[in-house]
Amino acid sequence: MSFSMDVTATHIWYFFICRRELWLIIHQIAADQDDENLDIGRFISEHRYQNDKKEIVIGNIKVDRVRQHGQQLIIGEVKKSSRFKESARYQLLFYLDTLKEMGIEAKGELLFPEERRREVVEWTPEAKEKLDEAIQEIRRIARQPVPPPPKKINFCRKCAYREYCWAEG
């Protein structure tokens, strides 16, 4: 039996942080919507970089920012901090790869407003190979009947799913 699912940028993001959380998201188990970290993320998204266009839907992706620099299209991804830069980088590469498949060449830019930093991200064949491997692994995790066991990582403390993993009783 063949299993195929549409992998999203959110799946890419969580794959590089926590495979258990990825499984919970794929299986539509809702996080604690009152978690203050979700509120902070929403606030930053709504109030920073207001001069750029906001959340543009292109096909099956939704990018945070789009701007043009000369003839170059720049796709921006806004994050609260650079703490999970690898996840953010591959989420942005997923956008760039999706656009490339549509015939649109673009560069990426990770934006960390609280740190007043930005980092350029470009599509490369090597990054595409790692991205494709991640997508295959995401689909494998999705097919599992139960989530991977919890694993204590730095992200747990601020995770909106922490009750699913660490609640007593």
C-alpha atoms as a PDB file:
ATOM      1  CA  MET A   1       0.000   0.000   0.000  1.00  0.00           C
ATOM      2  CA  SER A   2       1.361   3.381  -0.989  1.00  0.00           C
ATOM      3  CA  PHE A   3       1.018   6.321   1.380  1.00  0.00           C
ATOM      4  CA  SER A   4       1.245   9.868   0.159  1.00  0.00           C
ATOM      5  CA  MET A   5       0.397  13.056   1.952  1.00  0.00           C
ATOM      6  CA  ASP A   6       0.980  16.700   1.281  1.00  0.00           C
ATOM      7  CA  VAL A   7       3.883  17.831   3.409  1.00  0.00           C
ATOM      8  CA  THR A   8       3.637  21.429   4.571  1.00  0.00           C
ATOM      9  CA  ALA A   9       6.207  23.957   5.742  1.00  0.00           C
ATOM     10  CA  THR A  10       4.874  23.476   9.277  1.00  0.00           C
ATOM     11  CA  HIS A  11       5.711  19.779   9.039  1.00  0.00           C
ATOM     12  CA  ILE A  12       9.237  20.682   7.890  1.00  0.00           C
ATOM     13  CA  TRP A  13       9.629  23.094  10.818  1.00  0.00           C
ATOM     14  CA  TYR A  14       8.624  20.548  13.470  1.00  0.00           C
ATOM     15  CA  PHE A  15      10.542  17.686  11.848  1.00  0.00           C
ATOM     16  CA  PHE A  16      13.801  19.465  12.683  1.00  0.00           C
ATOM     17  CA  ILE A  17      12.681  20.239  16.259  1.00  0.00           C
ATOM     18  CA  CYS A  18      10.514  17.421  17.641  1.00  0.00           C
ATOM     19  CA  ARG A  19       9.277  14.345  15.812  1.00  0.00           C
ATOM     20  CA  ARG A  20       6.622  13.670  18.471  1.00  0.00           C
ATOM     21  CA  GLU A  21       5.134  17.142  18.033  1.00  0.00           C
ATOM     22  CA  LEU A  22       5.252  16.603  14.269  1.00  0.00           C
ATOM     23  CA  TRP A  23       3.168  13.412  14.672  1.00  0.00           C
ATOM     24  CA  LEU A  24       0.648  15.207  16.911  1.00  0.00           C
ATOM     25  CA  ILE A  25       0.247  18.005  14.347  1.00  0.00           C
ATOM     26  CA  ILE A  26      -0.124  15.597  11.421  1.00  0.00           C
ATOM     27  CA  HIS A  27      -2.809  13.704  13.346  1.00  0.00           C
ATOM     28  CA  GLN A  28      -4.621  16.984  14.073  1.00  0.00           C
ATOM     29  CA  ILE A  29      -4.213  16.877  17.831  1.00  0.00           C
ATOM     30  CA  ALA A  30      -4.555  20.506  18.882  1.00  0.00           C
ATOM     31  CA  ALA A  31      -1.958  22.280  20.994  1.00  0.00           C
ATOM     32  CA  ASP A  32      -2.928  24.374  24.016  1.00  0.00           C
ATOM     33  CA  GLN A  33      -4.298  27.460  22.234  1.00  0.00           C
ATOM     34  CA  ASP A  34      -3.959  29.538  25.431  1.00  0.00           C
ATOM     35  CA  ASP A  35      -0.192  28.962  25.583  1.00  0.00           C
ATOM     36  CA  GLU A  36       1.540  32.349  25.899  1.00  0.00           C
ATOM     37  CA  ASN A  37       4.251  31.396  23.371  1.00  0.00           C
ATOM     38  CA  LEU A  38       1.598  31.068  20.657  1.00  0.00           C
ATOM     39  CA  ASP A  39       0.355  34.557  21.585  1.00  0.00           C
ATOM     40  CA  ILE A  40       3.873  36.015  21.359  1.00  0.00           C
ATOM     41  CA  GLY A  41       4.387  34.468  17.921  1.00  0.00           C
ATOM     42  CA  ARG A  42       1.075  35.887  16.680  1.00  0.00           C
ATOM     43  CA  PHE A  43       1.955  39.353  18.018  1.00  0.00           C
ATOM     44  CA  ILE A  44       5.378  39.418  16.334  1.00  0.00           C
ATOM     45  CA  SER A  45       3.858  38.238  13.066  1.00  0.00           C
ATOM     46  CA  GLU A  46       1.229  40.993  13.138  1.00  0.00           C
ATOM     47  CA  HIS A  47       3.387  43.921  14.287  1.00  0.00           C
ATOM     48  CA  ARG A  48       6.851  43.573  12.744  1.00  0.00           C
ATOM     49  CA  TYR A  49       7.972  44.247   9.167  1.00  0.00           C
ATOM     50  CA  GLN A  50       4.698  45.966   8.335  1.00  0.00           C
ATOM     51  CA  ASN A  51       6.127  47.640   5.211  1.00  0.00           C
ATOM     52  CA  ASP A  52       6.542  44.298   3.424  1.00  0.00           C
ATOM     53  CA  LYS A  53       3.546  42.426   2.054  1.00  0.00           C
ATOM     54  CA  LYS A  54       2.188  39.991   4.617  1.00  0.00           C
ATOM     55  CA  GLU A  55       1.387  36.289   4.414  1.00  0.00           C
ATOM     56  CA  ILE A  56       1.081  35.657   0.725  1.00  0.00           C
ATOM     57  CA  VAL A  57      -0.487  32.358  -0.365  1.00  0.00           C
ATOM     58  CA  ILE A  58       1.201  30.843  -3.417  1.00  0.00           C
ATOM     59  CA  GLY A  59      -0.101  27.404  -4.334  1.00  0.00           C
ATOM     60  CA  ASN A  60       0.141  25.286  -1.181  1.00  0.00           C
ATOM     61  CA  ILE A  61       2.510  27.597   0.697  1.00  0.00           C
ATOM     62  CA  LYS A  62       1.946  30.688   2.795  1.00  0.00           C
ATOM     63  CA  VAL A  63       5.006  32.912   3.090  1.00  0.00           C
ATOM     64  CA  ASP A  64       5.435  35.608   5.738  1.00  0.00           C
ATOM     65  CA  ARG A  65       6.918  38.313   3.533  1.00  0.00           C
ATOM     66  CA  VAL A  66       7.540  38.964  -0.167  1.00  0.00           C
ATOM     67  CA  ARG A  67       9.588  41.797  -1.597  1.00  0.00           C
ATOM     68  CA  GLN A  68      11.537  42.556  -4.712  1.00  0.00           C
ATOM     69  CA  HIS A  69      15.158  43.726  -4.750  1.00  0.00           C
ATOM     70  CA  GLY A  70      15.896  44.801  -8.317  1.00  0.00           C
ATOM     71  CA  GLN A  71      14.913  41.799 -10.421  1.00  0.00           C
ATOM     72  CA  GLN A  72      15.299  39.379  -7.484  1.00  0.00           C
ATOM     73  CA  LEU A  73      12.254  38.065  -5.612  1.00  0.00           C
ATOM     74  CA  ILE A  74      12.951  37.734  -1.875  1.00  0.00           C
ATOM     75  CA  ILE A  75      10.826  35.467   0.317  1.00  0.00           C
ATOM     76  CA  GLY A  76      11.028  36.344   4.021  1.00  0.00           C
ATOM     77  CA  GLU A  77      10.304  34.088   6.985  1.00  0.00           C
ATOM     78  CA  VAL A  78       9.866  35.812  10.370  1.00  0.00           C
ATOM     79  CA  LYS A  79      10.856  33.931  13.531  1.00  0.00           C
ATOM     80  CA  LYS A  80      10.804  34.934  17.187  1.00  0.00           C
ATOM     81  CA  SER A  81      14.467  33.962  17.623  1.00  0.00           C
ATOM     82  CA  SER A  82      17.344  32.241  15.840  1.00  0.00           C
ATOM     83  CA  ARG A  83      17.270  29.442  18.394  1.00  0.00           C
ATOM     84  CA  PHE A  84      15.809  26.976  15.878  1.00  0.00           C
ATOM     85  CA  LYS A  85      17.624  28.320  12.857  1.00  0.00           C
ATOM     86  CA  GLU A  86      17.971  24.908  11.151  1.00  0.00           C
ATOM     87  CA  SER A  87      14.194  24.381  11.251  1.00  0.00           C
ATOM     88  CA  ALA A  88      13.584  27.892   9.978  1.00  0.00           C
ATOM     89  CA  ARG A  89      16.176  27.445   7.235  1.00  0.00           C
ATOM     90  CA  TYR A  90      14.582  24.240   5.937  1.00  0.00           C
ATOM     91  CA  GLN A  91      11.082  25.698   6.184  1.00  0.00           C
ATOM     92  CA  LEU A  92      12.275  28.559   3.979  1.00  0.00           C
ATOM     93  CA  LEU A  93      14.059  26.135   1.629  1.00  0.00           C
ATOM     94  CA  PHE A  94      10.744  24.282   1.311  1.00  0.00           C
ATOM     95  CA  TYR A  95       9.155  27.547   0.118  1.00  0.00           C
ATOM     96  CA  LEU A  96      12.007  28.207  -2.317  1.00  0.00           C
ATOM     97  CA  ASP A  97      11.801  24.642  -3.663  1.00  0.00           C
ATOM     98  CA  THR A  98       8.032  24.875  -4.120  1.00  0.00           C
ATOM     99  CA  LEU A  99       8.437  28.157  -6.003  1.00  0.00           C
ATOM    100  CA  LYS A 100      11.243  26.663  -8.119  1.00  0.00           C
ATOM    101  CA  GLU A 101       8.899  23.806  -9.122  1.00  0.00           C
ATOM    102  CA  MET A 102       6.456  26.507 -10.291  1.00  0.00           C
ATOM    103  CA  GLY A 103       9.205  28.135 -12.381  1.00  0.00           C
ATOM    104  CA  ILE A 104       9.744  31.025  -9.940  1.00  0.00           C
ATOM    105  CA  GLU A 105      13.338  31.726  -8.901  1.00  0.00           C
ATOM    106  CA  ALA A 106      13.671  33.393  -5.500  1.00  0.00           C
ATOM    107  CA  LYS A 107      16.074  33.875  -2.634  1.00  0.00           C
ATOM    108  CA  GLY A 108      15.134  33.525   0.995  1.00  0.00           C
ATOM    109  CA  GLU A 109      15.652  35.692   4.015  1.00  0.00           C
ATOM    110  CA  LEU A 110      15.246  34.592   7.630  1.00  0.00           C
ATOM    111  CA  LEU A 111      14.161  37.540   9.768  1.00  0.00           C
ATOM    112  CA  PHE A 112      14.692  37.611  13.530  1.00  0.00           C
ATOM    113  CA  PRO A 113      13.141  40.949  14.582  1.00  0.00           C
ATOM    114  CA  GLU A 114      13.820  40.594  18.313  1.00  0.00           C
ATOM    115  CA  GLU A 115      17.520  40.080  17.528  1.00  0.00           C
ATOM    116  CA  ARG A 116      17.532  42.633  14.709  1.00  0.00           C
ATOM    117  CA  ARG A 117      19.100  40.011  12.435  1.00  0.00           C
ATOM    118  CA  ARG A 118      18.500  38.651   8.979  1.00  0.00           C
ATOM    119  CA  GLU A 119      20.121  35.761   7.162  1.00  0.00           C
ATOM    120  CA  VAL A 120      20.102  34.960   3.445  1.00  0.00           C
ATOM    121  CA  VAL A 121      19.023  31.441   2.427  1.00  0.00           C
ATOM    122  CA  GLU A 122      19.514  30.082  -1.079  1.00  0.00           C
ATOM    123  CA  TRP A 123      18.272  26.911  -2.760  1.00  0.00           C
ATOM    124  CA  THR A 124      21.121  24.485  -3.576  1.00  0.00           C
ATOM    125  CA  PRO A 125      21.105  20.880  -4.855  1.00  0.00           C
ATOM    126  CA  GLU A 126      22.593  19.758  -1.516  1.00  0.00           C
ATOM    127  CA  ALA A 127      19.858  21.501   0.483  1.00  0.00           C
ATOM    128  CA  LYS A 128      17.240  20.021  -1.883  1.00  0.00           C
ATOM    129  CA  GLU A 129      18.602  16.518  -1.207  1.00  0.00           C
ATOM    130  CA  LYS A 130      18.342  16.979   2.570  1.00  0.00           C
ATOM    131  CA  LEU A 131      14.867  18.500   2.169  1.00  0.00           C
ATOM    132  CA  ASP A 132      13.702  15.492   0.114  1.00  0.00           C
ATOM    133  CA  GLU A 133      15.076  13.114   2.768  1.00  0.00           C
ATOM    134  CA  ALA A 134      13.188  15.041   5.464  1.00  0.00           C
ATOM    135  CA  ILE A 135       9.953  14.834   3.449  1.00  0.00           C
ATOM    136  CA  GLN A 136      10.310  11.048   3.117  1.00  0.00           C
ATOM    137  CA  GLU A 137      10.918  10.727   6.865  1.00  0.00           C
ATOM    138  CA  ILE A 138       7.922  12.979   7.655  1.00  0.00           C
ATOM    139  CA  ARG A 139       5.702  10.664   5.609  1.00  0.00           C
ATOM    140  CA  ARG A 140       7.133   7.638   7.455  1.00  0.00           C
ATOM    141  CA  ILE A 141       6.405   9.262  10.840  1.00  0.00           C
ATOM    142  CA  ALA A 142       2.865  10.108   9.673  1.00  0.00           C
ATOM    143  CA  ARG A 143       2.173   6.423   8.950  1.00  0.00           C
ATOM    144  CA  GLN A 144       3.056   5.371  12.488  1.00  0.00           C
ATOM    145  CA  PRO A 145      -0.007   4.359  14.539  1.00  0.00           C
ATOM    146  CA  VAL A 146       1.314   6.078  17.687  1.00  0.00           C
ATOM    147  CA  PRO A 147       3.581   9.081  18.190  1.00  0.00           C
ATOM    148  CA  PRO A 148       7.301   8.645  18.796  1.00  0.00           C
ATOM    149  CA  PRO A 149       8.081   8.543  22.536  1.00  0.00           C
ATOM    150  CA  PRO A 150       8.694  11.913  24.214  1.00  0.00           C
ATOM    151  CA  LYS A 151      12.275  13.060  24.341  1.00  0.00           C
ATOM    152  CA  LYS A 152      13.292  15.898  26.678  1.00  0.00           C
ATOM    153  CA  ILE A 153      14.794  18.744  24.625  1.00  0.00           C
ATOM    154  CA  ASN A 154      15.284  22.479  25.221  1.00  0.00           C
ATOM    155  CA  PHE A 155      12.119  23.235  23.256  1.00  0.00           C
ATOM    156  CA  CYS A 156       9.866  21.304  25.720  1.00  0.00           C
ATOM    157  CA  ARG A 157       9.785  24.127  28.264  1.00  0.00           C
ATOM    158  CA  LYS A 158       8.013  26.476  25.818  1.00  0.00           C
ATOM    159  CA  CYS A 159       6.062  23.871  23.836  1.00  0.00           C
ATOM    160  CA  ALA A 160       2.279  24.216  23.589  1.00  0.00           C
ATOM    161  CA  TYR A 161       2.120  20.379  23.515  1.00  0.00           C
ATOM    162  CA  ARG A 162       4.125  19.819  26.724  1.00  0.00           C
ATOM    163  CA  GLU A 163       1.061  18.460  28.568  1.00  0.00           C
ATOM    164  CA  TYR A 164       0.798  15.603  26.045  1.00  0.00           C
ATOM    165  CA  CYS A 165       4.319  14.510  26.878  1.00  0.00           C
ATOM    166  CA  TRP A 166       4.992  15.398  30.490  1.00  0.00           C
ATOM    167  CA  ALA A 167       1.660  15.536  32.350  1.00  0.00           C
ATOM    168  CA  GLU A 168       1.591  13.371  35.460  1.00  0.00           C
ATOM    169  CA  GLY A 169      -1.003  10.665  35.819  1.00  0.00           C
END
